[in-house]
Amino acid sequence: MRDSLPRLSPLALRPREAARALGISQRTLWALTAPRGPIPCVRIGSGKRSAVLYRVADLEAWLAARSSASTEPAKGGAE
C-alpha cells in the first residue's frame, strides 16, 4: 500500500480562482491588479502564451489591509 502524500495548498491562483476566492468578479480583480490597482500579480511567459497568477500570500495581505482599514475610526470627524 502506498503512503498518501499530503495535499499542498496552492501558492498562486489563476484569475478566475483568485476572483472567486475574494468574492469579486474577474473584471473587478483586473481593475484592482497592478499597475492599475494595489494587487500584484505574476506574469509568466510573454505574448498570448503568458499566464497571469496571483500569489495567495499577496491576496491575503491585500484583504487584511482592506479589513484593517475599514475597522479604523474615521479621521477628522466632528468633536
N, C-alpha and C. Protein backbone atom coordinates (compact mmCIF):
# COMPACT_ATOMS: atom_id res chain seq x y z
N MET A 1 0.84 -1.18 0.00
CA MET A 1 0.00 0.00 0.00
C MET A 1 0.89 1.25 0.00
N ARG A 2 0.53 2.17 -0.81
CA ARG A 2 1.32 3.38 -0.97
C ARG A 2 0.92 4.43 0.07
N ASP A 3 1.92 5.08 0.66
CA ASP A 3 1.64 6.15 1.63
C ASP A 3 0.97 7.31 0.90
N SER A 4 -0.03 7.86 1.53
CA SER A 4 -0.68 9.02 0.91
C SER A 4 0.16 10.26 1.17
N LEU A 5 0.30 11.05 0.13
CA LEU A 5 1.08 12.28 0.23
C LEU A 5 0.18 13.40 0.74
N PRO A 6 0.73 14.30 1.53
CA PRO A 6 -0.09 15.42 1.99
C PRO A 6 -0.44 16.32 0.82
N ARG A 7 -1.65 16.85 0.83
CA ARG A 7 -2.08 17.77 -0.22
C ARG A 7 -1.46 19.13 0.05
N LEU A 8 -0.87 19.70 -0.96
CA LEU A 8 -0.26 21.01 -0.83
C LEU A 8 -1.26 22.09 -1.17
N SER A 9 -1.22 23.18 -0.43
CA SER A 9 -2.05 24.33 -0.75
C SER A 9 -1.39 25.06 -1.93
N PRO A 10 -2.20 25.60 -2.82
CA PRO A 10 -1.60 26.31 -3.97
C PRO A 10 -0.86 27.57 -3.51
N LEU A 11 0.22 27.85 -4.17
CA LEU A 11 0.98 29.07 -3.89
C LEU A 11 0.41 30.26 -4.64
N ALA A 12 -0.23 29.98 -5.79
CA ALA A 12 -0.78 31.04 -6.62
C ALA A 12 -2.06 30.54 -7.29
N LEU A 13 -2.91 31.49 -7.66
CA LEU A 13 -4.19 31.18 -8.28
C LEU A 13 -4.30 31.86 -9.63
N ARG A 14 -5.01 31.24 -10.55
CA ARG A 14 -5.33 31.88 -11.82
C ARG A 14 -6.39 32.94 -11.56
N PRO A 15 -6.58 33.87 -12.49
CA PRO A 15 -7.53 34.97 -12.25
C PRO A 15 -8.93 34.52 -11.84
N ARG A 16 -9.48 33.52 -12.49
CA ARG A 16 -10.84 33.06 -12.14
C ARG A 16 -10.88 32.56 -10.70
N GLU A 17 -9.86 31.78 -10.32
CA GLU A 17 -9.81 31.24 -8.96
C GLU A 17 -9.60 32.35 -7.93
N ALA A 18 -8.74 33.32 -8.26
CA ALA A 18 -8.44 34.42 -7.35
C ALA A 18 -9.69 35.28 -7.13
N ALA A 19 -10.40 35.58 -8.21
CA ALA A 19 -11.62 36.38 -8.09
C ALA A 19 -12.65 35.64 -7.25
N ARG A 20 -12.80 34.36 -7.49
CA ARG A 20 -13.76 33.57 -6.71
C ARG A 20 -13.37 33.55 -5.24
N ALA A 21 -12.07 33.41 -4.96
CA ALA A 21 -11.60 33.37 -3.57
C ALA A 21 -11.88 34.69 -2.85
N LEU A 22 -11.80 35.81 -3.58
CA LEU A 22 -12.05 37.13 -2.99
C LEU A 22 -13.53 37.50 -3.00
N GLY A 23 -14.32 36.76 -3.75
CA GLY A 23 -15.75 37.06 -3.83
C GLY A 23 -16.06 38.25 -4.72
N ILE A 24 -15.21 38.48 -5.73
CA ILE A 24 -15.42 39.58 -6.66
C ILE A 24 -15.40 39.04 -8.08
N SER A 25 -15.77 39.86 -9.03
CA SER A 25 -15.75 39.44 -10.43
C SER A 25 -14.32 39.50 -10.98
N GLN A 26 -14.10 38.79 -12.08
CA GLN A 26 -12.80 38.85 -12.72
C GLN A 26 -12.51 40.26 -13.22
N ARG A 27 -13.53 40.95 -13.68
CA ARG A 27 -13.35 42.32 -14.17
C ARG A 27 -12.90 43.24 -13.03
N THR A 28 -13.50 43.08 -11.86
CA THR A 28 -13.10 43.89 -10.70
C THR A 28 -11.67 43.54 -10.29
N LEU A 29 -11.34 42.26 -10.30
CA LEU A 29 -9.97 41.85 -9.97
C LEU A 29 -8.98 42.48 -10.94
N TRP A 30 -9.30 42.47 -12.22
CA TRP A 30 -8.39 43.04 -13.22
C TRP A 30 -8.21 44.54 -12.97
N ALA A 31 -9.28 45.23 -12.59
CA ALA A 31 -9.19 46.67 -12.30
C ALA A 31 -8.33 46.93 -11.07
N LEU A 32 -8.29 45.98 -10.14
CA LEU A 32 -7.50 46.13 -8.91
C LEU A 32 -6.07 45.61 -9.06
N THR A 33 -5.76 45.04 -10.22
CA THR A 33 -4.44 44.46 -10.45
C THR A 33 -3.43 45.53 -10.84
N ALA A 34 -2.22 45.44 -10.27
CA ALA A 34 -1.15 46.38 -10.59
C ALA A 34 -0.85 46.30 -12.08
N PRO A 35 -0.55 47.39 -12.73
CA PRO A 35 -0.23 48.71 -12.19
C PRO A 35 -1.45 49.61 -11.97
N ARG A 36 -2.65 49.17 -12.37
CA ARG A 36 -3.85 49.99 -12.17
C ARG A 36 -4.25 50.06 -10.71
N GLY A 37 -4.06 48.97 -10.00
CA GLY A 37 -4.50 48.90 -8.62
C GLY A 37 -3.44 48.32 -7.71
N PRO A 38 -3.82 48.02 -6.47
CA PRO A 38 -2.84 47.61 -5.46
C PRO A 38 -2.51 46.12 -5.40
N ILE A 39 -3.23 45.27 -6.14
CA ILE A 39 -2.98 43.83 -6.04
C ILE A 39 -1.91 43.42 -7.05
N PRO A 40 -0.78 42.91 -6.57
CA PRO A 40 0.27 42.47 -7.51
C PRO A 40 -0.08 41.13 -8.14
N CYS A 41 0.48 40.91 -9.33
CA CYS A 41 0.32 39.63 -9.99
C CYS A 41 1.68 39.21 -10.54
N VAL A 42 1.76 37.96 -10.92
CA VAL A 42 2.98 37.42 -11.52
C VAL A 42 2.63 37.03 -12.94
N ARG A 43 3.40 37.52 -13.89
CA ARG A 43 3.18 37.16 -15.30
C ARG A 43 4.28 36.21 -15.72
N ILE A 44 3.86 35.08 -16.24
CA ILE A 44 4.81 34.05 -16.67
C ILE A 44 4.68 33.89 -18.17
N GLY A 45 5.80 33.99 -18.88
CA GLY A 45 5.77 33.89 -20.33
C GLY A 45 5.56 35.26 -20.96
N SER A 46 5.34 35.26 -22.27
CA SER A 46 5.12 36.52 -22.97
C SER A 46 4.11 36.30 -24.10
N GLY A 47 3.50 37.37 -24.52
CA GLY A 47 2.54 37.30 -25.61
C GLY A 47 1.28 36.54 -25.22
N LYS A 48 0.67 35.90 -26.21
CA LYS A 48 -0.59 35.18 -25.97
C LYS A 48 -0.42 33.96 -25.08
N ARG A 49 0.78 33.46 -24.97
CA ARG A 49 1.04 32.28 -24.15
C ARG A 49 1.33 32.62 -22.69
N SER A 50 1.27 33.90 -22.34
CA SER A 50 1.60 34.27 -20.96
C SER A 50 0.47 33.89 -20.02
N ALA A 51 0.83 33.63 -18.80
CA ALA A 51 -0.14 33.29 -17.76
C ALA A 51 -0.04 34.35 -16.66
N VAL A 52 -1.18 34.71 -16.13
CA VAL A 52 -1.24 35.65 -15.01
C VAL A 52 -1.62 34.85 -13.78
N LEU A 53 -0.82 34.99 -12.74
CA LEU A 53 -1.08 34.30 -11.48
C LEU A 53 -1.09 35.31 -10.34
N TYR A 54 -1.89 35.01 -9.34
CA TYR A 54 -1.95 35.84 -8.14
C TYR A 54 -1.47 35.01 -6.96
N ARG A 55 -0.39 35.45 -6.31
CA ARG A 55 0.10 34.73 -5.15
C ARG A 55 -0.93 34.79 -4.03
N VAL A 56 -1.21 33.66 -3.41
CA VAL A 56 -2.18 33.58 -2.32
C VAL A 56 -1.76 34.53 -1.19
N ALA A 57 -0.48 34.59 -0.89
CA ALA A 57 0.01 35.47 0.18
C ALA A 57 -0.30 36.94 -0.14
N ASP A 58 -0.17 37.35 -1.41
CA ASP A 58 -0.48 38.73 -1.80
C ASP A 58 -1.97 39.02 -1.66
N LEU A 59 -2.81 38.06 -2.04
CA LEU A 59 -4.25 38.24 -1.91
C LEU A 59 -4.65 38.35 -0.44
N GLU A 60 -4.06 37.51 0.40
CA GLU A 60 -4.35 37.56 1.83
C GLU A 60 -3.90 38.88 2.45
N ALA A 61 -2.72 39.36 2.04
CA ALA A 61 -2.19 40.62 2.57
C ALA A 61 -3.08 41.79 2.15
N TRP A 62 -3.51 41.79 0.89
CA TRP A 62 -4.38 42.86 0.41
C TRP A 62 -5.71 42.85 1.16
N LEU A 63 -6.27 41.68 1.34
CA LEU A 63 -7.54 41.56 2.04
C LEU A 63 -7.40 41.99 3.50
N ALA A 64 -6.31 41.61 4.15
CA ALA A 64 -6.07 42.00 5.54
C ALA A 64 -5.92 43.51 5.66
N ALA A 65 -5.23 44.13 4.72
CA ALA A 65 -5.06 45.58 4.74
C ALA A 65 -6.40 46.28 4.55
N ARG A 66 -7.24 45.74 3.68
CA ARG A 66 -8.56 46.32 3.45
C ARG A 66 -9.44 46.19 4.68
N SER A 67 -9.37 45.05 5.34
CA SER A 67 -10.23 44.85 6.50
C SER A 67 -9.77 45.70 7.68
N SER A 68 -8.46 45.88 7.84
CA SER A 68 -7.98 46.73 8.94
C SER A 68 -8.28 48.19 8.65
N ALA A 69 -8.27 48.59 7.38
CA ALA A 69 -8.58 49.98 7.02
C ALA A 69 -10.05 50.27 7.28
N SER A 70 -10.91 49.27 7.10
CA SER A 70 -12.34 49.50 7.30
C SER A 70 -12.73 49.51 8.78
N THR A 71 -11.86 49.01 9.65
CA THR A 71 -12.18 48.99 11.08
C THR A 71 -11.56 50.16 11.83
N GLU A 72 -10.71 50.95 11.17
CA GLU A 72 -10.11 52.11 11.82
C GLU A 72 -11.15 53.21 11.95
N PRO A 73 -11.11 53.98 13.04
CA PRO A 73 -12.06 55.08 13.18
C PRO A 73 -11.81 56.16 12.12
N ALA A 74 -12.86 56.81 11.71
CA ALA A 74 -12.75 57.87 10.70
C ALA A 74 -11.97 59.04 11.28
N LYS A 75 -11.14 59.63 10.46
CA LYS A 75 -10.34 60.78 10.90
C LYS A 75 -11.05 62.07 10.52
N GLY A 76 -10.87 63.07 11.33
CA GLY A 76 -11.44 64.37 11.01
C GLY A 76 -12.93 64.45 11.29
N GLY A 77 -13.43 63.59 12.13
CA GLY A 77 -14.85 63.60 12.46
C GLY A 77 -15.21 64.76 13.37
N ALA A 78 -16.49 64.94 13.58
CA ALA A 78 -16.97 66.03 14.45
C ALA A 78 -16.60 65.72 15.90
N GLU A 79 -16.25 66.74 16.64
CA GLU A 79 -15.88 66.58 18.04
C GLU A 79 -17.02 66.86 18.93
